[in-house]
Amino acid sequence: MAVKKSRRDFLGMAFGGFAAVGGVLTLGAMKQTWDPLPSVQAAGFVTVDLSPLQEGELRTITWRGKPIFLLKKTAEMKKNENRDVVVGNADYSVIIGLCTHLGCIPSWIPSTMQFKCACHGGEFDASGINTFGPPPRPMDIPPFKIDGMTLVLGEEGSEYKKLVAKA
């Protein structure tokens, strides 16, 4: 018994083949959008030059989608050996700028030298220590390394390891 192939059978098989190839290409493109970006795969290092910061100045940068507060302390600000970083002859606070209560971003109030969270009234001192309100713990310190007057976020240097060991 011979099977007779018709033009309709050929068109059906050709359409099926094109649909299969299109489906595979679509799935490949979808997978590529789910993969992390190369900057995330490379651990997201961010380099910051600390030399232009003036005393009392707060600089906010973004690292891995989080705000990082860099504060060059003045002589009036309380020093905290367990949380402050000494670079050159100046003290700096390097903290992740998220309230530890619900993750809001606190504002820096220069007149009172504290961070104030607008969500529920939490307050932190210049070193990121919780002093009032619902925050259960101090603001977190991101991993960093000091290289001269340059701060490298995302890499655990000796300064960071000392702060973590004291905590």
N, C-alpha and C. Protein backbone atom coordinates (compact mmCIF):
# COMPACT_ATOMS: atom_id res chain seq x y z
N MET A 1 0.84 -1.15 0.00
CA MET A 1 0.00 0.00 0.00
C MET A 1 0.90 1.24 0.00
N ALA A 2 0.87 2.01 -1.01
CA ALA A 2 1.69 3.20 -1.18
C ALA A 2 0.98 4.42 -0.61
N VAL A 3 1.75 5.25 0.07
CA VAL A 3 1.18 6.46 0.63
C VAL A 3 1.41 7.58 -0.37
N LYS A 4 0.36 8.26 -0.70
CA LYS A 4 0.44 9.33 -1.69
C LYS A 4 0.61 10.66 -0.98
N LYS A 5 1.65 11.38 -1.32
CA LYS A 5 1.91 12.69 -0.73
C LYS A 5 1.26 13.75 -1.61
N SER A 6 0.55 14.65 -0.98
CA SER A 6 -0.09 15.71 -1.76
C SER A 6 0.56 17.05 -1.44
N ARG A 7 0.18 18.02 -2.17
CA ARG A 7 0.70 19.37 -1.96
C ARG A 7 0.26 19.89 -0.58
N ARG A 8 -0.93 19.51 -0.16
CA ARG A 8 -1.45 19.93 1.14
C ARG A 8 -0.60 19.36 2.27
N ASP A 9 -0.16 18.10 2.14
CA ASP A 9 0.70 17.50 3.16
C ASP A 9 2.03 18.24 3.25
N PHE A 10 2.59 18.59 2.11
CA PHE A 10 3.86 19.32 2.09
C PHE A 10 3.72 20.68 2.78
N LEU A 11 2.67 21.41 2.48
CA LEU A 11 2.46 22.73 3.10
C LEU A 11 2.27 22.60 4.61
N GLY A 12 1.57 21.57 5.06
CA GLY A 12 1.37 21.34 6.48
C GLY A 12 2.68 21.06 7.20
N MET A 13 3.53 20.22 6.58
CA MET A 13 4.84 19.92 7.19
C MET A 13 5.74 21.15 7.18
N ALA A 14 5.72 21.95 6.11
CA ALA A 14 6.54 23.16 6.04
C ALA A 14 6.10 24.17 7.10
N PHE A 15 4.78 24.35 7.26
CA PHE A 15 4.28 25.27 8.29
C PHE A 15 4.66 24.77 9.68
N GLY A 16 4.54 23.50 9.93
CA GLY A 16 4.92 22.92 11.22
C GLY A 16 6.38 23.14 11.53
N GLY A 17 7.25 22.98 10.53
CA GLY A 17 8.69 23.20 10.71
C GLY A 17 9.00 24.65 11.04
N PHE A 18 8.37 25.58 10.28
CA PHE A 18 8.59 27.01 10.57
C PHE A 18 8.08 27.37 11.97
N ALA A 19 6.95 26.83 12.36
CA ALA A 19 6.40 27.12 13.70
C ALA A 19 7.33 26.59 14.79
N ALA A 20 7.90 25.40 14.58
CA ALA A 20 8.81 24.83 15.58
C ALA A 20 10.07 25.68 15.71
N VAL A 21 10.64 26.09 14.58
CA VAL A 21 11.85 26.93 14.61
C VAL A 21 11.52 28.27 15.28
N GLY A 22 10.39 28.87 14.95
CA GLY A 22 9.99 30.14 15.57
C GLY A 22 9.79 30.00 17.07
N GLY A 23 9.22 28.90 17.52
CA GLY A 23 9.02 28.65 18.94
C GLY A 23 10.34 28.52 19.68
N VAL A 24 11.30 27.80 19.09
CA VAL A 24 12.61 27.64 19.72
C VAL A 24 13.33 28.98 19.82
N LEU A 25 13.27 29.80 18.75
CA LEU A 25 13.91 31.11 18.79
C LEU A 25 13.25 32.02 19.82
N THR A 26 11.94 31.96 19.94
CA THR A 26 11.23 32.77 20.93
C THR A 26 11.62 32.36 22.34
N LEU A 27 11.69 31.08 22.61
CA LEU A 27 12.10 30.61 23.94
C LEU A 27 13.54 31.03 24.26
N GLY A 28 14.41 30.99 23.26
CA GLY A 28 15.79 31.44 23.46
C GLY A 28 15.86 32.91 23.81
N ALA A 29 15.07 33.73 23.11
CA ALA A 29 15.04 35.17 23.41
C ALA A 29 14.47 35.44 24.79
N MET A 30 13.45 34.69 25.19
CA MET A 30 12.87 34.86 26.53
C MET A 30 13.89 34.50 27.60
N LYS A 31 14.65 33.43 27.40
CA LYS A 31 15.65 33.03 28.38
C LYS A 31 16.73 34.10 28.52
N GLN A 32 17.09 34.71 27.39
CA GLN A 32 18.12 35.75 27.42
C GLN A 32 17.66 36.95 28.25
N THR A 33 16.38 37.29 28.22
CA THR A 33 15.90 38.42 29.02
C THR A 33 15.86 38.08 30.50
N TRP A 34 15.78 36.81 30.85
CA TRP A 34 15.77 36.40 32.26
C TRP A 34 17.17 36.34 32.85
N ASP A 35 18.19 36.23 32.04
CA ASP A 35 19.56 36.15 32.53
C ASP A 35 19.96 37.49 33.15
N PRO A 36 20.76 37.48 34.22
CA PRO A 36 21.21 38.74 34.81
C PRO A 36 22.14 39.50 33.86
N LEU A 37 22.16 40.81 34.03
CA LEU A 37 23.02 41.65 33.20
C LEU A 37 24.49 41.36 33.52
N PRO A 38 25.38 41.62 32.58
CA PRO A 38 26.80 41.38 32.84
C PRO A 38 27.33 42.15 34.04
N SER A 39 26.81 43.37 34.27
CA SER A 39 27.28 44.14 35.43
C SER A 39 26.90 43.47 36.74
N VAL A 40 25.75 42.80 36.76
CA VAL A 40 25.34 42.09 37.97
C VAL A 40 26.16 40.82 38.14
N GLN A 41 26.44 40.14 37.03
CA GLN A 41 27.24 38.94 37.11
C GLN A 41 28.66 39.25 37.57
N ALA A 42 29.15 40.44 37.26
CA ALA A 42 30.51 40.83 37.65
C ALA A 42 30.55 41.37 39.07
N ALA A 43 29.51 41.10 39.86
CA ALA A 43 29.40 41.47 41.26
C ALA A 43 29.14 42.95 41.47
N GLY A 44 28.95 43.73 40.42
CA GLY A 44 28.52 45.11 40.54
C GLY A 44 29.43 46.00 41.35
N PHE A 45 30.71 46.02 41.05
CA PHE A 45 31.64 46.90 41.75
C PHE A 45 31.40 48.34 41.34
N VAL A 46 31.42 49.25 42.32
CA VAL A 46 31.29 50.68 42.06
C VAL A 46 32.46 51.37 42.73
N THR A 47 33.14 52.24 42.01
CA THR A 47 34.30 52.96 42.53
C THR A 47 33.92 54.42 42.75
N VAL A 48 34.26 54.95 43.93
CA VAL A 48 33.93 56.33 44.29
C VAL A 48 35.19 57.03 44.80
N ASP A 49 35.47 58.21 44.25
CA ASP A 49 36.59 59.03 44.72
C ASP A 49 36.10 59.85 45.91
N LEU A 50 36.72 59.69 47.07
CA LEU A 50 36.30 60.39 48.28
C LEU A 50 36.95 61.76 48.44
N SER A 51 37.97 62.06 47.65
CA SER A 51 38.72 63.30 47.85
C SER A 51 37.89 64.58 47.65
N PRO A 52 36.89 64.63 46.74
CA PRO A 52 36.16 65.89 46.60
C PRO A 52 35.12 66.16 47.71
N LEU A 53 34.83 65.20 48.57
CA LEU A 53 33.83 65.40 49.62
C LEU A 53 34.32 66.43 50.64
N GLN A 54 33.43 67.36 50.96
CA GLN A 54 33.72 68.38 51.99
C GLN A 54 33.21 67.87 53.33
N GLU A 55 33.73 68.41 54.43
CA GLU A 55 33.26 68.02 55.76
C GLU A 55 31.77 68.30 55.87
N GLY A 56 31.02 67.32 56.39
CA GLY A 56 29.59 67.46 56.57
C GLY A 56 28.78 67.16 55.31
N GLU A 57 29.44 66.87 54.22
CA GLU A 57 28.74 66.62 52.95
C GLU A 57 28.31 65.15 52.87
N LEU A 58 27.07 64.96 52.42
CA LEU A 58 26.53 63.62 52.20
C LEU A 58 26.42 63.40 50.70
N ARG A 59 26.98 62.30 50.24
CA ARG A 59 26.84 61.92 48.84
C ARG A 59 26.08 60.59 48.81
N THR A 60 25.07 60.54 47.95
CA THR A 60 24.29 59.32 47.78
C THR A 60 24.61 58.74 46.42
N ILE A 61 25.03 57.49 46.39
CA ILE A 61 25.29 56.79 45.14
C ILE A 61 24.44 55.52 45.13
N THR A 62 24.31 54.91 43.98
CA THR A 62 23.53 53.69 43.86
C THR A 62 24.47 52.52 43.62
N TRP A 63 24.26 51.46 44.39
CA TRP A 63 25.03 50.23 44.24
C TRP A 63 24.05 49.09 44.33
N ARG A 64 24.00 48.27 43.28
CA ARG A 64 23.08 47.13 43.20
C ARG A 64 21.64 47.53 43.48
N GLY A 65 21.26 48.71 43.01
CA GLY A 65 19.90 49.19 43.16
C GLY A 65 19.58 49.77 44.53
N LYS A 66 20.57 49.88 45.39
CA LYS A 66 20.35 50.41 46.74
C LYS A 66 21.06 51.74 46.89
N PRO A 67 20.47 52.67 47.67
CA PRO A 67 21.19 53.93 47.94
C PRO A 67 22.28 53.69 48.98
N ILE A 68 23.44 54.22 48.71
CA ILE A 68 24.57 54.14 49.64
C ILE A 68 24.88 55.57 50.08
N PHE A 69 24.86 55.80 51.39
CA PHE A 69 25.18 57.11 51.95
C PHE A 69 26.66 57.16 52.30
N LEU A 70 27.35 58.16 51.77
CA LEU A 70 28.75 58.43 52.10
C LEU A 70 28.77 59.80 52.78
N LEU A 71 29.09 59.83 54.05
CA LEU A 71 29.08 61.06 54.82
C LEU A 71 30.48 61.32 55.38
N LYS A 72 31.04 62.48 55.01
CA LYS A 72 32.32 62.88 55.59
C LYS A 72 32.01 63.64 56.87
N LYS A 73 32.45 63.10 57.98
CA LYS A 73 32.08 63.63 59.29
C LYS A 73 32.85 64.91 59.62
N THR A 74 32.16 65.76 60.38
CA THR A 74 32.78 66.98 60.88
C THR A 74 33.29 66.72 62.30
N ALA A 75 33.98 67.69 62.86
CA ALA A 75 34.50 67.55 64.22
C ALA A 75 33.37 67.49 65.25
N GLU A 76 32.19 68.08 64.92
CA GLU A 76 31.06 68.09 65.85
C GLU A 76 30.32 66.75 65.88
N MET A 77 30.48 65.97 64.84
CA MET A 77 29.76 64.69 64.77
C MET A 77 30.45 63.65 65.64
N LYS A 78 29.62 62.90 66.35
CA LYS A 78 30.13 61.88 67.26
C LYS A 78 30.85 60.78 66.46
N LYS A 79 32.07 60.49 66.87
CA LYS A 79 32.84 59.42 66.21
C LYS A 79 32.40 58.06 66.75
N ASN A 80 32.38 57.08 65.89
CA ASN A 80 32.00 55.73 66.28
C ASN A 80 33.03 54.77 65.70
N GLU A 81 33.95 54.30 66.53
CA GLU A 81 35.03 53.44 66.06
C GLU A 81 34.54 52.10 65.51
N ASN A 82 33.33 51.69 65.92
CA ASN A 82 32.79 50.42 65.46
C ASN A 82 32.11 50.51 64.09
N ARG A 83 31.87 51.75 63.60
CA ARG A 83 31.15 51.91 62.33
C ARG A 83 31.80 52.89 61.36
N ASP A 84 32.64 53.77 61.85
CA ASP A 84 33.24 54.78 60.98
C ASP A 84 34.48 54.24 60.28
N VAL A 85 34.71 54.75 59.09
CA VAL A 85 35.87 54.37 58.30
C VAL A 85 36.82 55.56 58.26
N VAL A 86 38.08 55.33 58.56
CA VAL A 86 39.08 56.39 58.53
C VAL A 86 39.83 56.28 57.20
N VAL A 87 39.75 57.36 56.42
CA VAL A 87 40.47 57.43 55.15
C VAL A 87 41.29 58.71 55.20
N GLY A 88 42.60 58.56 55.10
CA GLY A 88 43.48 59.71 55.29
C GLY A 88 43.40 60.13 56.75
N ASN A 89 42.98 61.36 56.98
CA ASN A 89 42.80 61.83 58.36
C ASN A 89 41.34 62.19 58.64
N ALA A 90 40.42 61.68 57.83
CA ALA A 90 39.00 62.00 57.98
C ALA A 90 38.19 60.74 58.28
N ASP A 91 37.09 60.94 59.00
CA ASP A 91 36.16 59.85 59.29
C ASP A 91 34.99 59.91 58.33
N TYR A 92 34.57 58.74 57.87
CA TYR A 92 33.45 58.63 56.94
C TYR A 92 32.45 57.60 57.47
N SER A 93 31.18 57.85 57.21
CA SER A 93 30.14 56.84 57.40
C SER A 93 29.82 56.28 56.02
N VAL A 94 29.85 54.96 55.90
CA VAL A 94 29.49 54.27 54.67
C VAL A 94 28.38 53.31 55.04
N ILE A 95 27.14 53.64 54.65
CA ILE A 95 26.00 52.83 55.06
C ILE A 95 25.01 52.67 53.91
N ILE A 96 24.27 51.57 53.95
CA ILE A 96 23.19 51.36 52.99
C ILE A 96 22.02 52.22 53.47
N GLY A 97 21.58 53.14 52.64
CA GLY A 97 20.57 54.12 53.03
C GLY A 97 19.15 53.60 53.02
N LEU A 98 18.90 52.52 53.73
CA LEU A 98 17.56 51.98 53.86
C LEU A 98 17.24 51.81 55.35
N CYS A 99 16.08 52.28 55.75
CA CYS A 99 15.63 52.11 57.13
C CYS A 99 15.45 50.63 57.40
N THR A 100 15.91 50.18 58.55
CA THR A 100 15.84 48.75 58.87
C THR A 100 14.47 48.35 59.39
N HIS A 101 13.53 49.28 59.43
CA HIS A 101 12.17 48.94 59.84
C HIS A 101 11.40 48.38 58.65
N LEU A 102 11.16 49.19 57.63
CA LEU A 102 10.42 48.73 56.45
C LEU A 102 11.10 49.06 55.13
N GLY A 103 12.34 49.52 55.17
CA GLY A 103 13.09 49.73 53.94
C GLY A 103 12.90 51.07 53.26
N CYS A 104 12.34 52.05 53.94
CA CYS A 104 12.22 53.39 53.36
C CYS A 104 13.61 54.05 53.33
N ILE A 105 13.74 55.11 52.54
CA ILE A 105 15.02 55.82 52.44
C ILE A 105 14.98 57.03 53.35
N PRO A 106 15.78 57.03 54.41
CA PRO A 106 15.79 58.18 55.33
C PRO A 106 16.44 59.41 54.68
N SER A 107 16.06 60.58 55.17
CA SER A 107 16.63 61.85 54.72
C SER A 107 17.68 62.31 55.72
N TRP A 108 18.70 62.99 55.22
CA TRP A 108 19.75 63.54 56.06
C TRP A 108 19.32 64.94 56.49
N ILE A 109 19.29 65.18 57.79
CA ILE A 109 18.95 66.49 58.34
C ILE A 109 20.23 67.10 58.90
N PRO A 110 20.88 68.02 58.16
CA PRO A 110 22.17 68.56 58.61
C PRO A 110 22.09 69.32 59.94
N SER A 111 20.97 70.00 60.20
CA SER A 111 20.88 70.81 61.43
C SER A 111 20.92 69.94 62.69
N THR A 112 20.35 68.75 62.62
CA THR A 112 20.36 67.85 63.79
C THR A 112 21.41 66.75 63.65
N MET A 113 22.07 66.70 62.52
CA MET A 113 23.10 65.69 62.22
C MET A 113 22.56 64.27 62.42
N GLN A 114 21.39 64.01 61.80
CA GLN A 114 20.80 62.68 61.88
C GLN A 114 20.01 62.36 60.61
N PHE A 115 19.80 61.06 60.42
CA PHE A 115 18.96 60.59 59.34
C PHE A 115 17.56 60.38 59.92
N LYS A 116 16.55 60.87 59.21
CA LYS A 116 15.16 60.74 59.68
C LYS A 116 14.36 60.04 58.61
N CYS A 117 13.65 58.97 59.02
CA CYS A 117 12.82 58.20 58.10
C CYS A 117 11.40 58.78 58.15
N ALA A 118 10.89 59.18 57.00
CA ALA A 118 9.56 59.79 56.92
C ALA A 118 8.44 58.77 57.06
N CYS A 119 8.71 57.50 56.86
CA CYS A 119 7.64 56.50 56.89
C CYS A 119 7.04 56.34 58.29
N HIS A 120 7.88 56.11 59.31
CA HIS A 120 7.38 55.87 60.65
C HIS A 120 8.16 56.62 61.72
N GLY A 121 8.95 57.61 61.32
CA GLY A 121 9.63 58.46 62.29
C GLY A 121 10.91 57.91 62.88
N GLY A 122 11.47 56.88 62.29
CA GLY A 122 12.72 56.34 62.79
C GLY A 122 13.86 57.34 62.62
N GLU A 123 14.77 57.35 63.58
CA GLU A 123 15.92 58.26 63.52
C GLU A 123 17.21 57.46 63.70
N PHE A 124 18.23 57.91 62.97
CA PHE A 124 19.56 57.30 63.02
C PHE A 124 20.57 58.42 63.18
N ASP A 125 21.65 58.16 63.92
CA ASP A 125 22.70 59.17 64.04
C ASP A 125 23.56 59.18 62.78
N ALA A 126 24.60 59.99 62.78
CA ALA A 126 25.44 60.15 61.60
C ALA A 126 26.19 58.88 61.23
N SER A 127 26.30 57.93 62.16
CA SER A 127 26.96 56.66 61.88
C SER A 127 25.98 55.57 61.45
N GLY A 128 24.68 55.91 61.41
CA GLY A 128 23.67 54.94 61.00
C GLY A 128 23.12 54.11 62.14
N ILE A 129 23.39 54.50 63.39
CA ILE A 129 22.87 53.79 64.56
C ILE A 129 21.45 54.28 64.83
N ASN A 130 20.53 53.33 65.03
CA ASN A 130 19.15 53.70 65.33
C ASN A 130 19.08 54.32 66.73
N THR A 131 18.46 55.52 66.82
CA THR A 131 18.39 56.25 68.09
C THR A 131 16.97 56.45 68.57
N PHE A 132 15.97 56.34 67.66
CA PHE A 132 14.58 56.56 68.05
C PHE A 132 13.67 55.88 67.05
N GLY A 133 12.52 55.42 67.55
CA GLY A 133 11.48 54.90 66.67
C GLY A 133 11.54 53.40 66.48
N PRO A 134 10.84 52.93 65.46
CA PRO A 134 10.69 51.49 65.27
C PRO A 134 11.85 50.73 64.63
N PRO A 135 12.86 51.38 64.04
CA PRO A 135 13.93 50.57 63.44
C PRO A 135 14.57 49.63 64.47
N PRO A 136 14.63 48.33 64.17
CA PRO A 136 15.14 47.38 65.15
C PRO A 136 16.66 47.32 65.28
N ARG A 137 17.37 47.85 64.30
CA ARG A 137 18.83 47.75 64.32
C ARG A 137 19.42 48.88 63.48
N PRO A 138 20.72 49.08 63.58
CA PRO A 138 21.37 50.13 62.77
C PRO A 138 21.28 49.84 61.27
N MET A 139 21.51 50.87 60.49
CA MET A 139 21.56 50.68 59.04
C MET A 139 22.74 49.78 58.71
N ASP A 140 22.61 49.01 57.64
CA ASP A 140 23.64 48.06 57.26
C ASP A 140 24.83 48.74 56.60
N ILE A 141 25.97 48.09 56.70
CA ILE A 141 27.21 48.57 56.07
C ILE A 141 27.45 47.68 54.85
N PRO A 142 27.60 48.28 53.67
CA PRO A 142 27.86 47.45 52.48
C PRO A 142 29.31 46.98 52.46
N PRO A 143 29.60 45.88 51.78
CA PRO A 143 31.00 45.46 51.65
C PRO A 143 31.77 46.48 50.82
N PHE A 144 32.96 46.85 51.29
CA PHE A 144 33.76 47.85 50.58
C PHE A 144 35.24 47.61 50.83
N LYS A 145 36.02 48.29 50.02
CA LYS A 145 37.48 48.26 50.16
C LYS A 145 37.98 49.68 49.94
N ILE A 146 38.99 50.08 50.69
CA ILE A 146 39.60 51.40 50.53
C ILE A 146 40.91 51.24 49.79
N ASP A 147 41.07 52.04 48.73
CA ASP A 147 42.31 52.02 47.95
C ASP A 147 42.77 53.47 47.81
N GLY A 148 43.60 53.93 48.75
CA GLY A 148 44.02 55.33 48.76
C GLY A 148 42.85 56.20 49.17
N MET A 149 42.40 57.08 48.29
CA MET A 149 41.22 57.92 48.54
C MET A 149 40.01 57.41 47.74
N THR A 150 40.09 56.16 47.31
CA THR A 150 39.02 55.58 46.51
C THR A 150 38.32 54.49 47.30
N LEU A 151 36.99 54.51 47.25
CA LEU A 151 36.17 53.50 47.89
C LEU A 151 35.64 52.57 46.80
N VAL A 152 35.82 51.27 46.98
CA VAL A 152 35.34 50.27 46.01
C VAL A 152 34.22 49.49 46.69
N LEU A 153 32.99 49.72 46.27
CA LEU A 153 31.85 49.01 46.84
C LEU A 153 31.70 47.65 46.17
N GLY A 154 31.38 46.65 46.96
CA GLY A 154 31.16 45.31 46.44
C GLY A 154 32.32 44.37 46.67
N GLU A 155 33.40 44.88 47.22
CA GLU A 155 34.58 44.06 47.49
C GLU A 155 34.91 44.17 48.98
N GLU A 156 35.12 43.05 49.63
CA GLU A 156 35.40 43.05 51.06
C GLU A 156 36.88 43.30 51.32
N GLY A 157 37.18 44.51 51.80
CA GLY A 157 38.55 44.85 52.14
C GLY A 157 38.80 44.69 53.62
N SER A 158 40.01 44.98 54.06
CA SER A 158 40.38 44.81 55.47
C SER A 158 39.58 45.75 56.38
N GLU A 159 39.28 46.97 55.90
CA GLU A 159 38.51 47.93 56.70
C GLU A 159 37.12 47.40 56.98
N TYR A 160 36.49 46.84 55.95
CA TYR A 160 35.14 46.28 56.11
C TYR A 160 35.17 45.08 57.07
N LYS A 161 36.16 44.22 56.93
CA LYS A 161 36.25 43.04 57.79
C LYS A 161 36.44 43.44 59.25
N LYS A 162 37.18 44.53 59.52
CA LYS A 162 37.35 45.01 60.89
C LYS A 162 36.01 45.47 61.46
N LEU A 163 35.23 46.20 60.66
CA LEU A 163 33.93 46.69 61.14
C LEU A 163 32.97 45.54 61.41
N VAL A 164 32.96 44.55 60.55
CA VAL A 164 32.08 43.40 60.73
C VAL A 164 32.49 42.58 61.95
N ALA A 165 33.80 42.49 62.20
CA ALA A 165 34.28 41.71 63.35
C ALA A 165 33.88 42.41 64.67
N LYS A 166 33.82 43.76 64.66
CA LYS A 166 33.45 44.51 65.88
C LYS A 166 31.96 44.40 66.17
N ALA A 167 31.16 44.18 65.13
CA ALA A 167 29.70 44.19 65.31
C ALA A 167 29.18 42.99 66.06
